[in-house]
C-alpha atoms as a PDB file:
ATOM      1  CA  MET A   1       0.123   0.205  -0.113  1.00  0.00           C
ATOM      2  CA  ALA A   2       1.052   3.670  -0.618  1.00  0.00           C
ATOM      3  CA  LEU A   3       2.534   5.756   2.010  1.00  0.00           C
ATOM      4  CA  LEU A   4      -0.116   8.104   1.959  1.00  0.00           C
ATOM      5  CA  GLU A   5      -2.970   5.865   1.028  1.00  0.00           C
ATOM      6  CA  GLY A   6      -6.664   7.317   2.013  1.00  0.00           C
ATOM      7  CA  ARG A   7      -5.062  10.561   3.570  1.00  0.00           C
ATOM      8  CA  THR A   8      -5.610  14.005   3.104  1.00  0.00           C
ATOM      9  CA  VAL A   9      -2.996  16.758   3.064  1.00  0.00           C
ATOM     10  CA  LEU A  10      -2.904  20.337   3.067  1.00  0.00           C
ATOM     11  CA  VAL A  11      -0.113  22.027   1.295  1.00  0.00           C
ATOM     12  CA  THR A  12       1.056  25.473   1.529  1.00  0.00           C
ATOM     13  CA  GLY A  13       3.696  27.403   0.089  1.00  0.00           C
ATOM     14  CA  VAL A  14       2.976  25.908  -3.476  1.00  0.00           C
ATOM     15  CA  LEU A  15       3.974  28.763  -6.088  1.00  0.00           C
ATOM     16  CA  THR A  16       5.895  27.323  -8.864  1.00  0.00           C
ATOM     17  CA  ASP A  17       7.248  23.636  -9.603  1.00  0.00           C
ATOM     18  CA  GLN A  18      10.740  24.199  -8.686  1.00  0.00           C
ATOM     19  CA  SER A  19       9.583  24.907  -5.087  1.00  0.00           C
ATOM     20  CA  ILE A  20      10.092  21.958  -2.176  1.00  0.00           C
ATOM     21  CA  ALA A  21       6.289  22.234  -1.433  1.00  0.00           C
ATOM     22  CA  PHE A  22       5.479  21.476  -5.094  1.00  0.00           C
ATOM     23  CA  HIS A  23       7.333  18.290  -4.971  1.00  0.00           C
ATOM     24  CA  VAL A  24       5.665  17.422  -1.634  1.00  0.00           C
ATOM     25  CA  ALA A  25       2.312  17.896  -3.288  1.00  0.00           C
ATOM     26  CA  ARG A  26       3.393  15.974  -6.193  1.00  0.00           C
ATOM     27  CA  LEU A  27       4.874  12.811  -3.993  1.00  0.00           C
ATOM     28  CA  ALA A  28       2.097  13.156  -1.568  1.00  0.00           C
ATOM     29  CA  GLN A  29      -0.544  12.539  -4.445  1.00  0.00           C
ATOM     30  CA  GLU A  30       2.103   9.600  -5.938  1.00  0.00           C
ATOM     31  CA  GLN A  31       1.910   8.126  -2.706  1.00  0.00           C
ATOM     32  CA  GLY A  32      -2.212   7.937  -2.614  1.00  0.00           C
ATOM     33  CA  ALA A  33      -3.012  11.163  -0.862  1.00  0.00           C
ATOM     34  CA  GLN A  34      -5.692  13.735  -1.759  1.00  0.00           C
ATOM     35  CA  VAL A  35      -3.570  17.032  -1.829  1.00  0.00           C
ATOM     36  CA  ILE A  36      -5.266  20.581  -1.131  1.00  0.00           C
ATOM     37  CA  LEU A  37      -3.451  23.689  -1.468  1.00  0.00           C
ATOM     38  CA  THR A  38      -3.504  27.077  -0.294  1.00  0.00           C
ATOM     39  CA  SER A  39      -2.734  30.660  -1.634  1.00  0.00           C
ATOM     40  CA  PHE A  40      -3.845  34.048  -1.695  1.00  0.00           C
ATOM     41  CA  GLY A  41      -3.663  37.299  -3.456  1.00  0.00           C
ATOM     42  CA  ARG A  42      -1.400  37.929  -6.294  1.00  0.00           C
ATOM     43  CA  THR A  43       0.155  34.402  -5.553  1.00  0.00           C
ATOM     44  CA  MET A  44      -3.278  32.596  -6.423  1.00  0.00           C
ATOM     45  CA  SER A  45      -2.577  32.669 -10.227  1.00  0.00           C
ATOM     46  CA  LEU A  46       1.222  31.119  -9.553  1.00  0.00           C
ATOM     47  CA  THR A  47      -0.368  28.159  -7.587  1.00  0.00           C
ATOM     48  CA  LYS A  48      -3.079  27.521 -10.269  1.00  0.00           C
ATOM     49  CA  ARG A  49      -0.654  27.151 -12.733  1.00  0.00           C
ATOM     50  CA  SER A  50       1.540  24.753 -10.594  1.00  0.00           C
ATOM     51  CA  SER A  51      -1.523  22.916  -9.573  1.00  0.00           C
ATOM     52  CA  SER A  52      -2.359  21.733 -13.072  1.00  0.00           C
ATOM     53  CA  ARG A  53       0.778  20.128 -13.274  1.00  0.00           C
ATOM     54  CA  LEU A  54       0.434  18.005 -10.380  1.00  0.00           C
ATOM     55  CA  PRO A  55      -0.473  14.021 -11.613  1.00  0.00           C
ATOM     56  CA  ASN A  56      -4.089  15.518 -10.310  1.00  0.00           C
ATOM     57  CA  PRO A  57      -4.741  18.998 -10.473  1.00  0.00           C
ATOM     58  CA  ALA A  58      -5.617  20.052  -6.650  1.00  0.00           C
ATOM     59  CA  PRO A  59      -7.903  22.401  -5.214  1.00  0.00           C
ATOM     60  CA  ILE A  60      -6.893  25.433  -3.627  1.00  0.00           C
ATOM     61  CA  VAL A  61      -8.359  27.131  -0.692  1.00  0.00           C
ATOM     62  CA  GLU A  62      -7.817  30.991   0.345  1.00  0.00           C
ATOM     63  CA  LEU A  63      -5.326  31.321   3.094  1.00  0.00           C
ATOM     64  CA  ASP A  64      -3.397  34.615   4.107  1.00  0.00           C
ATOM     65  CA  VAL A  65      -1.738  33.090   7.680  1.00  0.00           C
ATOM     66  CA  THR A  66      -1.710  36.923   8.762  1.00  0.00           C
ATOM     67  CA  ASP A  67      -5.087  37.155   8.546  1.00  0.00           C
ATOM     68  CA  ASP A  68      -7.444  36.069  11.775  1.00  0.00           C
ATOM     69  CA  ASP A  69     -10.654  35.839   9.231  1.00  0.00           C
ATOM     70  CA  HIS A  70      -8.997  33.511   7.033  1.00  0.00           C
ATOM     71  CA  LEU A  71      -7.302  31.222   9.841  1.00  0.00           C
ATOM     72  CA  ALA A  72     -10.881  31.295  11.313  1.00  0.00           C
ATOM     73  CA  SER A  73     -12.546  30.213   8.715  1.00  0.00           C
ATOM     74  CA  LEU A  74     -10.122  27.726   7.275  1.00  0.00           C
ATOM     75  CA  ALA A  75     -11.448  24.713   8.622  1.00  0.00           C
ATOM     76  CA  ASP A  76     -14.844  25.314   6.759  1.00  0.00           C
ATOM     77  CA  ARG A  77     -13.191  25.722   3.685  1.00  0.00           C
ATOM     78  CA  VAL A  78     -11.287  22.675   3.898  1.00  0.00           C
ATOM     79  CA  ARG A  79     -14.293  21.142   4.566  1.00  0.00           C
ATOM     80  CA  GLU A  80     -15.766  21.846   1.264  1.00  0.00           C
ATOM     81  CA  HIS A  81     -13.037  19.193  -0.398  1.00  0.00           C
ATOM     82  CA  SER A  82     -12.481  16.707   2.742  1.00  0.00           C
ATOM     83  CA  GLU A  83     -13.920  16.104   6.079  1.00  0.00           C
ATOM     84  CA  GLU A  84     -10.603  15.226   7.730  1.00  0.00           C
ATOM     85  CA  LEU A  85      -6.907  16.168   7.522  1.00  0.00           C
ATOM     86  CA  HIS A  86      -4.506  13.863   8.033  1.00  0.00           C
ATOM     87  CA  GLY A  87      -1.000  16.177   7.225  1.00  0.00           C
ATOM     88  CA  VAL A  88      -0.735  19.659   7.489  1.00  0.00           C
ATOM     89  CA  VAL A  89       2.619  21.241   5.585  1.00  0.00           C
ATOM     90  CA  HIS A  90       3.907  24.617   6.284  1.00  0.00           C
ATOM     91  CA  SER A  91       5.996  26.114   4.055  1.00  0.00           C
ATOM     92  CA  ILE A  92       5.829  29.383   4.454  1.00  0.00           C
ATOM     93  CA  GLY A  93       8.258  31.939   5.215  1.00  0.00           C
ATOM     94  CA  PHE A  94       9.086  35.841   4.394  1.00  0.00           C
ATOM     95  CA  ALA A  95      11.262  38.494   5.425  1.00  0.00           C
ATOM     96  CA  PRO A  96      11.356  42.082   4.510  1.00  0.00           C
ATOM     97  CA  GLU A  97      14.359  43.121   2.580  1.00  0.00           C
ATOM     98  CA  SER A  98      15.771  45.091   5.523  1.00  0.00           C
ATOM     99  CA  ALA A  99      16.168  42.108   7.355  1.00  0.00           C
ATOM    100  CA  LEU A 100      18.314  40.268   5.063  1.00  0.00           C
ATOM    101  CA  GLY A 101      21.356  41.274   3.182  1.00  0.00           C
ATOM    102  CA  GLY A 102      23.815  41.815   5.952  1.00  0.00           C
ATOM    103  CA  ASN A 103      21.543  44.778   7.531  1.00  0.00           C
ATOM    104  CA  PHE A 104      21.384  42.897  10.872  1.00  0.00           C
ATOM    105  CA  LEU A 105      22.040  45.740  13.570  1.00  0.00           C
ATOM    106  CA  ASN A 106      19.728  47.952  11.375  1.00  0.00           C
ATOM    107  CA  THR A 107      16.538  46.389  11.079  1.00  0.00           C
ATOM    108  CA  THR A 108      13.400  48.115  12.853  1.00  0.00           C
ATOM    109  CA  TRP A 109      11.231  45.926  14.820  1.00  0.00           C
ATOM    110  CA  PRO A 110       8.119  46.171  12.363  1.00  0.00           C
ATOM    111  CA  ASP A 111      10.346  44.205   9.769  1.00  0.00           C
ATOM    112  CA  VAL A 112      11.516  41.722  12.340  1.00  0.00           C
ATOM    113  CA  ALA A 113       7.855  41.007  13.659  1.00  0.00           C
ATOM    114  CA  THR A 114       6.615  40.623   9.911  1.00  0.00           C
ATOM    115  CA  ALA A 115       9.627  37.926   9.521  1.00  0.00           C
ATOM    116  CA  MET A 116       8.530  36.003  12.850  1.00  0.00           C
ATOM    117  CA  GLN A 117       4.972  36.459  12.275  1.00  0.00           C
ATOM    118  CA  ILE A 118       5.009  34.889   9.039  1.00  0.00           C
ATOM    119  CA  SER A 119       8.095  32.599   9.247  1.00  0.00           C
ATOM    120  CA  ALA A 120       7.587  31.250  12.626  1.00  0.00           C
ATOM    121  CA  TYR A 121       4.098  32.105  14.407  1.00  0.00           C
ATOM    122  CA  SER A 122       2.218  31.195  11.508  1.00  0.00           C
ATOM    123  CA  MET A 123       3.190  27.450  12.072  1.00  0.00           C
ATOM    124  CA  ALA A 124       1.352  27.642  15.563  1.00  0.00           C
ATOM    125  CA  SER A 125      -1.673  29.671  13.994  1.00  0.00           C
ATOM    126  CA  LEU A 126      -1.992  27.162  10.905  1.00  0.00           C
ATOM    127  CA  ALA A 127      -1.936  24.233  13.403  1.00  0.00           C
ATOM    128  CA  VAL A 128      -4.382  25.462  15.566  1.00  0.00           C
ATOM    129  CA  ALA A 129      -6.772  26.228  12.639  1.00  0.00           C
ATOM    130  CA  CYS A 130      -6.430  22.748  11.247  1.00  0.00           C
ATOM    131  CA  ARG A 131      -6.367  21.236  14.597  1.00  0.00           C
ATOM    132  CA  ASP A 132     -10.309  20.051  14.604  1.00  0.00           C
ATOM    133  CA  LEU A 133      -9.691  18.229  11.144  1.00  0.00           C
ATOM    134  CA  MET A 134      -7.066  16.314  12.535  1.00  0.00           C
ATOM    135  CA  PRO A 135      -7.982  13.011  13.924  1.00  0.00           C
ATOM    136  CA  ARG A 136      -5.092  10.646  15.834  1.00  0.00           C
ATOM    137  CA  GLY A 137      -2.421   9.687  13.629  1.00  0.00           C
ATOM    138  CA  SER A 138      -2.102  13.062  11.633  1.00  0.00           C
ATOM    139  CA  ALA A 139       0.842  14.988  11.180  1.00  0.00           C
ATOM    140  CA  VAL A 140       2.314  18.472  10.693  1.00  0.00           C
ATOM    141  CA  VAL A 141       5.360  19.144   8.860  1.00  0.00           C
ATOM    142  CA  GLY A 142       7.279  22.057   8.483  1.00  0.00           C
ATOM    143  CA  LEU A 143      10.466  23.304   6.274  1.00  0.00           C
ATOM    144  CA  ASP A 144      13.196  24.531   7.987  1.00  0.00           C
ATOM    145  CA  PHE A 145      16.705  25.816   7.373  1.00  0.00           C
ATOM    146  CA  ASP A 146      19.250  25.123  10.186  1.00  0.00           C
ATOM    147  CA  ALA A 147      19.195  27.731  12.625  1.00  0.00           C
ATOM    148  CA  THR A 148      21.670  26.466  14.699  1.00  0.00           C
ATOM    149  CA  VAL A 149      24.624  28.904  13.648  1.00  0.00           C
ATOM    150  CA  ALA A 150      24.643  32.370  12.027  1.00  0.00           C
ATOM    151  CA  TRP A 151      24.744  32.362   8.263  1.00  0.00           C
ATOM    152  CA  PRO A 152      25.991  34.842   6.085  1.00  0.00           C
ATOM    153  CA  THR A 153      23.231  37.627   5.168  1.00  0.00           C
ATOM    154  CA  TYR A 154      20.381  35.551   6.358  1.00  0.00           C
ATOM    155  CA  ASP A 155      20.164  37.760   9.243  1.00  0.00           C
ATOM    156  CA  TRP A 156      16.555  37.685  10.905  1.00  0.00           C
ATOM    157  CA  MET A 157      15.392  34.878   8.792  1.00  0.00           C
ATOM    158  CA  GLY A 158      17.932  33.239  10.666  1.00  0.00           C
ATOM    159  CA  VAL A 159      15.891  34.347  13.871  1.00  0.00           C
ATOM    160  CA  ALA A 160      12.705  33.540  12.706  1.00  0.00           C
ATOM    161  CA  LYS A 161      13.877  30.008  11.829  1.00  0.00           C
ATOM    162  CA  ALA A 162      15.362  29.426  15.269  1.00  0.00           C
ATOM    163  CA  ALA A 163      11.786  30.584  16.568  1.00  0.00           C
ATOM    164  CA  LEU A 164       9.935  28.119  14.253  1.00  0.00           C
ATOM    165  CA  GLU A 165      12.275  25.382  15.392  1.00  0.00           C
ATOM    166  CA  SER A 166      11.396  26.178  18.920  1.00  0.00           C
ATOM    167  CA  THR A 167       7.552  26.549  18.039  1.00  0.00           C
ATOM    168  CA  ALA A 168       7.638  23.094  16.705  1.00  0.00           C
ATOM    169  CA  ARG A 169       8.920  21.647  19.671  1.00  0.00           C
ATOM    170  CA  TYR A 170       6.146  23.207  21.562  1.00  0.00           C
ATOM    171  CA  LEU A 171       3.243  22.253  19.335  1.00  0.00           C
ATOM    172  CA  ALA A 172       4.472  18.772  19.739  1.00  0.00           C
ATOM    173  CA  ARG A 173       4.277  19.017  23.252  1.00  0.00           C
ATOM    174  CA  ASP A 174       0.788  20.518  23.008  1.00  0.00           C
ATOM    175  CA  LEU A 175      -0.698  18.456  20.241  1.00  0.00           C
ATOM    176  CA  GLY A 176       0.635  15.368  21.394  1.00  0.00           C
ATOM    177  CA  PRO A 177      -2.115  14.572  23.949  1.00  0.00           C
ATOM    178  CA  ALA A 178      -4.410  14.724  20.644  1.00  0.00           C
ATOM    179  CA  GLY A 179      -2.187  12.158  19.091  1.00  0.00           C
ATOM    180  CA  ILE A 180      -1.014  15.103  16.267  1.00  0.00           C
ATOM    181  CA  ARG A 181       2.663  14.564  15.460  1.00  0.00           C
ATOM    182  CA  VAL A 182       4.949  17.926  14.391  1.00  0.00           C
ATOM    183  CA  ASN A 183       8.347  17.586  12.980  1.00  0.00           C
ATOM    184  CA  LEU A 184      10.649  19.998  10.908  1.00  0.00           C
ATOM    185  CA  VAL A 185      13.067  18.975   7.876  1.00  0.00           C
ATOM    186  CA  ALA A 186      15.887  21.234   7.618  1.00  0.00           C
ATOM    187  CA  ALA A 187      16.508  21.170   3.697  1.00  0.00           C
ATOM    188  CA  GLY A 188      20.044  22.429   1.933  1.00  0.00           C
ATOM    189  CA  PRO A 189      19.690  25.463  -0.086  1.00  0.00           C
ATOM    190  CA  ILE A 190      17.094  25.013  -3.481  1.00  0.00           C
ATOM    191  CA  ARG A 191      17.279  27.021  -6.048  1.00  0.00           C
ATOM    192  CA  THR A 192      13.679  28.434  -5.796  1.00  0.00           C
ATOM    193  CA  MET A 193      12.002  31.622  -6.329  1.00  0.00           C
ATOM    194  CA  ALA A 194      12.263  32.523  -2.456  1.00  0.00           C
ATOM    195  CA  ALA A 195      16.222  31.242  -2.242  1.00  0.00           C
ATOM    196  CA  LYS A 196      16.648  33.658  -5.347  1.00  0.00           C
ATOM    197  CA  SER A 197      15.047  36.741  -3.035  1.00  0.00           C
ATOM    198  CA  ILE A 198      17.963  35.925  -0.365  1.00  0.00           C
ATOM    199  CA  PRO A 199      20.848  38.467  -0.891  1.00  0.00           C
ATOM    200  CA  GLY A 200      23.941  36.595  -0.915  1.00  0.00           C
ATOM    201  CA  PHE A 201      22.482  33.245  -1.885  1.00  0.00           C
ATOM    202  CA  GLU A 202      25.319  32.086  -4.159  1.00  0.00           C
ATOM    203  CA  ASP A 203      27.482  32.168  -0.435  1.00  0.00           C
ATOM    204  CA  PHE A 204      25.333  29.130   0.397  1.00  0.00           C
ATOM    205  CA  GLU A 205      25.724  27.378  -2.926  1.00  0.00           C
ATOM    206  CA  GLN A 206      29.555  27.770  -1.978  1.00  0.00           C
ATOM    207  CA  VAL A 207      29.565  26.333   1.598  1.00  0.00           C
ATOM    208  CA  TRP A 208      26.934  23.332   0.325  1.00  0.00           C
ATOM    209  CA  GLN A 209      29.685  22.507  -2.599  1.00  0.00           C
ATOM    210  CA  ASP A 210      32.531  22.689  -0.416  1.00  0.00           C
ATOM    211  CA  ARG A 211      31.398  20.723   2.882  1.00  0.00           C
ATOM    212  CA  ALA A 212      28.563  18.310   2.257  1.00  0.00           C
ATOM    213  CA  PRO A 213      29.988  14.880   2.505  1.00  0.00           C
ATOM    214  CA  ILE A 214      27.550  13.259   0.152  1.00  0.00           C
ATOM    215  CA  GLY A 215      27.157  16.159  -1.991  1.00  0.00           C
ATOM    216  CA  TRP A 216      24.139  18.578  -2.702  1.00  0.00           C
ATOM    217  CA  ASP A 217      22.163  19.248  -5.541  1.00  0.00           C
ATOM    218  CA  LEU A 218      20.974  22.691  -5.393  1.00  0.00           C
ATOM    219  CA  ASP A 219      18.694  22.217  -8.184  1.00  0.00           C
ATOM    220  CA  ASP A 220      16.757  19.261  -6.980  1.00  0.00           C
ATOM    221  CA  PRO A 221      13.991  19.601  -4.226  1.00  0.00           C
ATOM    222  CA  THR A 222      13.091  15.712  -4.329  1.00  0.00           C
ATOM    223  CA  PRO A 223      15.110  14.569  -1.433  1.00  0.00           C
ATOM    224  CA  ALA A 224      13.707  17.039   0.954  1.00  0.00           C
ATOM    225  CA  ALA A 225      10.277  16.369  -0.356  1.00  0.00           C
ATOM    226  CA  GLN A 226      10.649  12.389  -0.004  1.00  0.00           C
ATOM    227  CA  ALA A 227      11.885  13.356   3.674  1.00  0.00           C
ATOM    228  CA  CYS A 228       8.493  15.393   4.295  1.00  0.00           C
ATOM    229  CA  VAL A 229       6.235  12.808   2.751  1.00  0.00           C
ATOM    230  CA  ALA A 230       7.871   9.978   4.956  1.00  0.00           C
ATOM    231  CA  LEU A 231       6.994  12.168   8.047  1.00  0.00           C
ATOM    232  CA  LEU A 232       3.455  12.427   7.079  1.00  0.00           C
ATOM    233  CA  SER A 233       3.244   9.012   6.747  1.00  0.00           C
ATOM    234  CA  PRO A 234       2.479   6.344   9.588  1.00  0.00           C
ATOM    235  CA  TRP A 235       6.093   4.741   9.001  1.00  0.00           C
ATOM    236  CA  PHE A 236       6.909   7.677  11.959  1.00  0.00           C
ATOM    237  CA  ALA A 237       4.354   6.984  14.174  1.00  0.00           C
ATOM    238  CA  ALA A 238       6.315   7.694  17.224  1.00  0.00           C
ATOM    239  CA  THR A 239       8.386  10.658  15.779  1.00  0.00           C
ATOM    240  CA  THR A 240       7.438  14.060  16.873  1.00  0.00           C
ATOM    241  CA  GLY A 241       9.555  17.153  17.886  1.00  0.00           C
ATOM    242  CA  GLU A 242      12.144  16.342  15.539  1.00  0.00           C
ATOM    243  CA  ILE A 243      13.993  18.047  13.014  1.00  0.00           C
ATOM    244  CA  VAL A 244      15.222  15.812  10.091  1.00  0.00           C
ATOM    245  CA  HIS A 245      18.288  17.194   8.316  1.00  0.00           C
ATOM    246  CA  VAL A 246      17.843  16.559   4.410  1.00  0.00           C
ATOM    247  CA  ASP A 247      21.329  18.663   3.550  1.00  0.00           C
ATOM    248  CA  GLY A 248      24.078  16.428   2.172  1.00  0.00           C
ATOM    249  CA  GLY A 249      25.246  16.371   5.895  1.00  0.00           C
ATOM    250  CA  VAL A 250      26.609  19.869   6.037  1.00  0.00           C
ATOM    251  CA  HIS A 251      25.100  20.048   9.663  1.00  0.00           C
ATOM    252  CA  SER A 252      27.409  17.516  10.896  1.00  0.00           C
ATOM    253  CA  GLN A 253      30.645  19.017   9.637  1.00  0.00           C
ATOM    254  CA  GLY A 254      32.894  21.426  11.401  1.00  0.00           C
ATOM    255  CA  ALA A 255      34.067  24.583   9.674  1.00  0.00           C
END
């Protein structure tokens, strides 16, 4: 039987078919899941185009994670397509330009707050919005970038990722009694639309080319997507509060 046979998965963050989230949706469908996507505003057209490229075009529900009304009505809009959610994929991150690129000491609180709300707090708000739809054995999986060290140019997005990692641990604690698992996949850099918006992204490329023991393909989102699908599945039934590194081993190597 396929890993996600009979399960329904909500996937956020699908913009282009280069994104990790797109490949999570693709692999989830290939493993038997019904997939529902989210999008909003100007990105809706991109998500619709990407949905048409999936093995089975997926329905899209409107969701801006900073909009309380969207969050409050999310469960009702999901129910138009499925009565239950067995998996939720958090692939949401954003920081204003002033919060990236070596401007760490000069970034103002409003821009830091934006990065924190969209990139970290949104995982909690999304999980809470979906909680009543999720039976025992369900899973929340978020996409992370190693926050144990300071990276060149990553600045306040790095701080937001550290907050995301802590958020996942507290969600694992509080959703665990309901039988809901919460884990993260810390992926190496992939040349996605989001990555291209990070000033100095080529610095990350060089780090991975030099330090990944088993190598790293910056143009292949599939390994990270496979890890997400595995964590969504019953094969990781007793794993929660975990960060799975899919980065060619860079996290394990010293400078």
